[in-house]
Amino acid sequence: MPDTIHRNFKTVEDAEAARAALLDAGFSGSAVQLNLHSARASDTATQAVENIMESMTPDDADDTDRPSTHPAALLTVDVDDSQQREQATALMLRYGGTEA
């Protein structure tokens, strides 16, 4: 059954390597799409709210004192069946692709 798989990558290089591996494995170029995530613009109000929320949680209680990482790229793959789905998923996991 045709489906589309989406995976996020921490770096553009990892996403490009996964795309190349998918193409080498026989996926067509039209079935594999790489989209770069753009950095969200941060205005003064957003920064103020983030600072307030971070100050309400003790640093030792969680990871609020560490900067959060945002994915750099999204790789989308159109698959025709469960075998292609498993193959694409395995290849993207090899290069660090995550669902979140």
C-alpha atoms as a PDB file:
ATOM      1  CA  MET A   1       0.000   0.000   0.000  1.00  0.00           C
ATOM      2  CA  PRO A   2       1.510   3.384  -0.975  1.00  0.00           C
ATOM      3  CA  ASP A   3       2.587   5.544   1.952  1.00  0.00           C
ATOM      4  CA  THR A   4       4.886   8.443   2.803  1.00  0.00           C
ATOM      5  CA  ILE A   5       7.547   8.348   5.512  1.00  0.00           C
ATOM      6  CA  HIS A   6       8.860  11.509   7.170  1.00  0.00           C
ATOM      7  CA  ARG A   7      12.057  11.660   9.253  1.00  0.00           C
ATOM      8  CA  ASN A   8      13.911  14.587  10.819  1.00  0.00           C
ATOM      9  CA  PHE A   9      17.696  14.849  10.872  1.00  0.00           C
ATOM     10  CA  LYS A  10      19.958  16.821  13.209  1.00  0.00           C
ATOM     11  CA  THR A  11      22.220  17.940  10.385  1.00  0.00           C
ATOM     12  CA  VAL A  12      21.740  18.652   6.709  1.00  0.00           C
ATOM     13  CA  GLU A  13      24.740  16.420   5.986  1.00  0.00           C
ATOM     14  CA  ASP A  14      23.048  13.427   7.665  1.00  0.00           C
ATOM     15  CA  ALA A  15      19.865  14.036   5.666  1.00  0.00           C
ATOM     16  CA  GLU A  16      21.826  14.330   2.423  1.00  0.00           C
ATOM     17  CA  ALA A  17      23.700  11.105   3.192  1.00  0.00           C
ATOM     18  CA  ALA A  18      20.411   9.308   3.893  1.00  0.00           C
ATOM     19  CA  ARG A  19      18.957  10.665   0.639  1.00  0.00           C
ATOM     20  CA  ALA A  20      21.989   9.433  -1.296  1.00  0.00           C
ATOM     21  CA  ALA A  21      21.692   5.990   0.333  1.00  0.00           C
ATOM     22  CA  LEU A  22      17.998   5.811  -0.597  1.00  0.00           C
ATOM     23  CA  LEU A  23      18.775   6.728  -4.207  1.00  0.00           C
ATOM     24  CA  ASP A  24      21.604   4.159  -4.295  1.00  0.00           C
ATOM     25  CA  ALA A  25      19.138   1.560  -2.975  1.00  0.00           C
ATOM     26  CA  GLY A  26      16.866   2.156  -5.954  1.00  0.00           C
ATOM     27  CA  PHE A  27      14.340   4.710  -4.732  1.00  0.00           C
ATOM     28  CA  SER A  28      13.495   7.177  -7.478  1.00  0.00           C
ATOM     29  CA  GLY A  29      14.531  10.802  -7.201  1.00  0.00           C
ATOM     30  CA  SER A  30      10.900  11.892  -7.356  1.00  0.00           C
ATOM     31  CA  ALA A  31      10.073   9.662  -4.355  1.00  0.00           C
ATOM     32  CA  VAL A  32      12.719  11.197  -2.078  1.00  0.00           C
ATOM     33  CA  GLN A  33      12.417  14.831  -1.053  1.00  0.00           C
ATOM     34  CA  LEU A  34      14.765  16.795   1.204  1.00  0.00           C
ATOM     35  CA  ASN A  35      13.474  19.926   2.932  1.00  0.00           C
ATOM     36  CA  LEU A  36      15.625  22.152   5.103  1.00  0.00           C
ATOM     37  CA  HIS A  37      14.091  23.496   8.286  1.00  0.00           C
ATOM     38  CA  SER A  38      14.367  27.238   8.558  1.00  0.00           C
ATOM     39  CA  ALA A  39      15.281  28.743  11.893  1.00  0.00           C
ATOM     40  CA  ARG A  40      12.324  30.249  13.644  1.00  0.00           C
ATOM     41  CA  ALA A  41      12.520  33.985  13.996  1.00  0.00           C
ATOM     42  CA  SER A  42      12.751  34.954  17.620  1.00  0.00           C
ATOM     43  CA  ASP A  43      11.135  38.207  18.583  1.00  0.00           C
ATOM     44  CA  THR A  44      11.383  40.005  21.925  1.00  0.00           C
ATOM     45  CA  ALA A  45       8.078  38.656  23.234  1.00  0.00           C
ATOM     46  CA  THR A  46       9.038  35.049  22.447  1.00  0.00           C
ATOM     47  CA  GLN A  47      12.407  35.443  24.151  1.00  0.00           C
ATOM     48  CA  ALA A  48      10.754  36.984  27.231  1.00  0.00           C
ATOM     49  CA  VAL A  49       8.308  34.090  27.579  1.00  0.00           C
ATOM     50  CA  GLU A  50      11.090  31.521  27.126  1.00  0.00           C
ATOM     51  CA  ASN A  51      13.190  33.261  29.797  1.00  0.00           C
ATOM     52  CA  ILE A  52      10.253  33.365  32.227  1.00  0.00           C
ATOM     53  CA  MET A  53       9.443  29.680  31.701  1.00  0.00           C
ATOM     54  CA  GLU A  54      13.081  28.656  32.110  1.00  0.00           C
ATOM     55  CA  SER A  55      13.437  30.666  35.317  1.00  0.00           C
ATOM     56  CA  MET A  56      10.444  28.885  36.878  1.00  0.00           C
ATOM     57  CA  THR A  57      12.133  25.477  36.749  1.00  0.00           C
ATOM     58  CA  PRO A  58      15.204  24.673  38.846  1.00  0.00           C
ATOM     59  CA  ASP A  59      18.154  23.834  36.625  1.00  0.00           C
ATOM     60  CA  ASP A  60      18.809  20.590  38.449  1.00  0.00           C
ATOM     61  CA  ALA A  61      15.274  19.317  37.893  1.00  0.00           C
ATOM     62  CA  ASP A  62      15.397  19.093  34.112  1.00  0.00           C
ATOM     63  CA  ASP A  63      17.343  20.118  31.029  1.00  0.00           C
ATOM     64  CA  THR A  64      16.053  23.696  30.734  1.00  0.00           C
ATOM     65  CA  ASP A  65      19.542  25.070  31.248  1.00  0.00           C
ATOM     66  CA  ARG A  66      20.697  23.293  28.093  1.00  0.00           C
ATOM     67  CA  PRO A  67      19.745  24.682  24.697  1.00  0.00           C
ATOM     68  CA  SER A  68      17.170  22.593  22.875  1.00  0.00           C
ATOM     69  CA  THR A  69      18.187  21.163  19.547  1.00  0.00           C
ATOM     70  CA  HIS A  70      16.020  21.618  16.508  1.00  0.00           C
ATOM     71  CA  PRO A  71      16.147  19.359  13.490  1.00  0.00           C
ATOM     72  CA  ALA A  72      17.979  20.792  10.491  1.00  0.00           C
ATOM     73  CA  ALA A  73      16.231  18.860   7.723  1.00  0.00           C
ATOM     74  CA  LEU A  74      13.211  16.705   6.901  1.00  0.00           C
ATOM     75  CA  LEU A  75      13.480  13.793   4.507  1.00  0.00           C
ATOM     76  CA  THR A  76      10.270  12.501   2.918  1.00  0.00           C
ATOM     77  CA  VAL A  77      10.096   9.169   1.084  1.00  0.00           C
ATOM     78  CA  ASP A  78       7.173   7.780  -0.894  1.00  0.00           C
ATOM     79  CA  VAL A  79       7.020   3.981  -0.614  1.00  0.00           C
ATOM     80  CA  ASP A  80       4.859   1.501  -2.512  1.00  0.00           C
ATOM     81  CA  ASP A  81       4.715  -1.402  -0.063  1.00  0.00           C
ATOM     82  CA  SER A  82       5.762  -2.664   3.372  1.00  0.00           C
ATOM     83  CA  GLN A  83       9.096  -3.960   2.055  1.00  0.00           C
ATOM     84  CA  GLN A  84      10.064  -0.503   0.752  1.00  0.00           C
ATOM     85  CA  ARG A  85       8.810   1.016   4.009  1.00  0.00           C
ATOM     86  CA  GLU A  86      11.113  -1.233   6.057  1.00  0.00           C
ATOM     87  CA  GLN A  87      14.059  -0.584   3.750  1.00  0.00           C
ATOM     88  CA  ALA A  88      13.603   3.206   3.788  1.00  0.00           C
ATOM     89  CA  THR A  89      13.093   3.265   7.549  1.00  0.00           C
ATOM     90  CA  ALA A  90      16.262   1.233   8.151  1.00  0.00           C
ATOM     91  CA  LEU A  91      18.333   3.453   5.851  1.00  0.00           C
ATOM     92  CA  MET A  92      17.107   6.667   7.455  1.00  0.00           C
ATOM     93  CA  LEU A  93      17.685   5.305  10.970  1.00  0.00           C
ATOM     94  CA  ARG A  94      21.266   4.484   9.982  1.00  0.00           C
ATOM     95  CA  TYR A  95      21.852   8.201   9.368  1.00  0.00           C
ATOM     96  CA  GLY A  96      20.045   9.406  12.492  1.00  0.00           C
ATOM     97  CA  GLY A  97      16.546   9.998  11.155  1.00  0.00           C
ATOM     98  CA  THR A  98      13.918  10.387  13.869  1.00  0.00           C
ATOM     99  CA  GLU A  99      10.151  10.739  13.845  1.00  0.00           C
ATOM    100  CA  ALA A 100      10.194  13.657  16.276  1.00  0.00           C
END
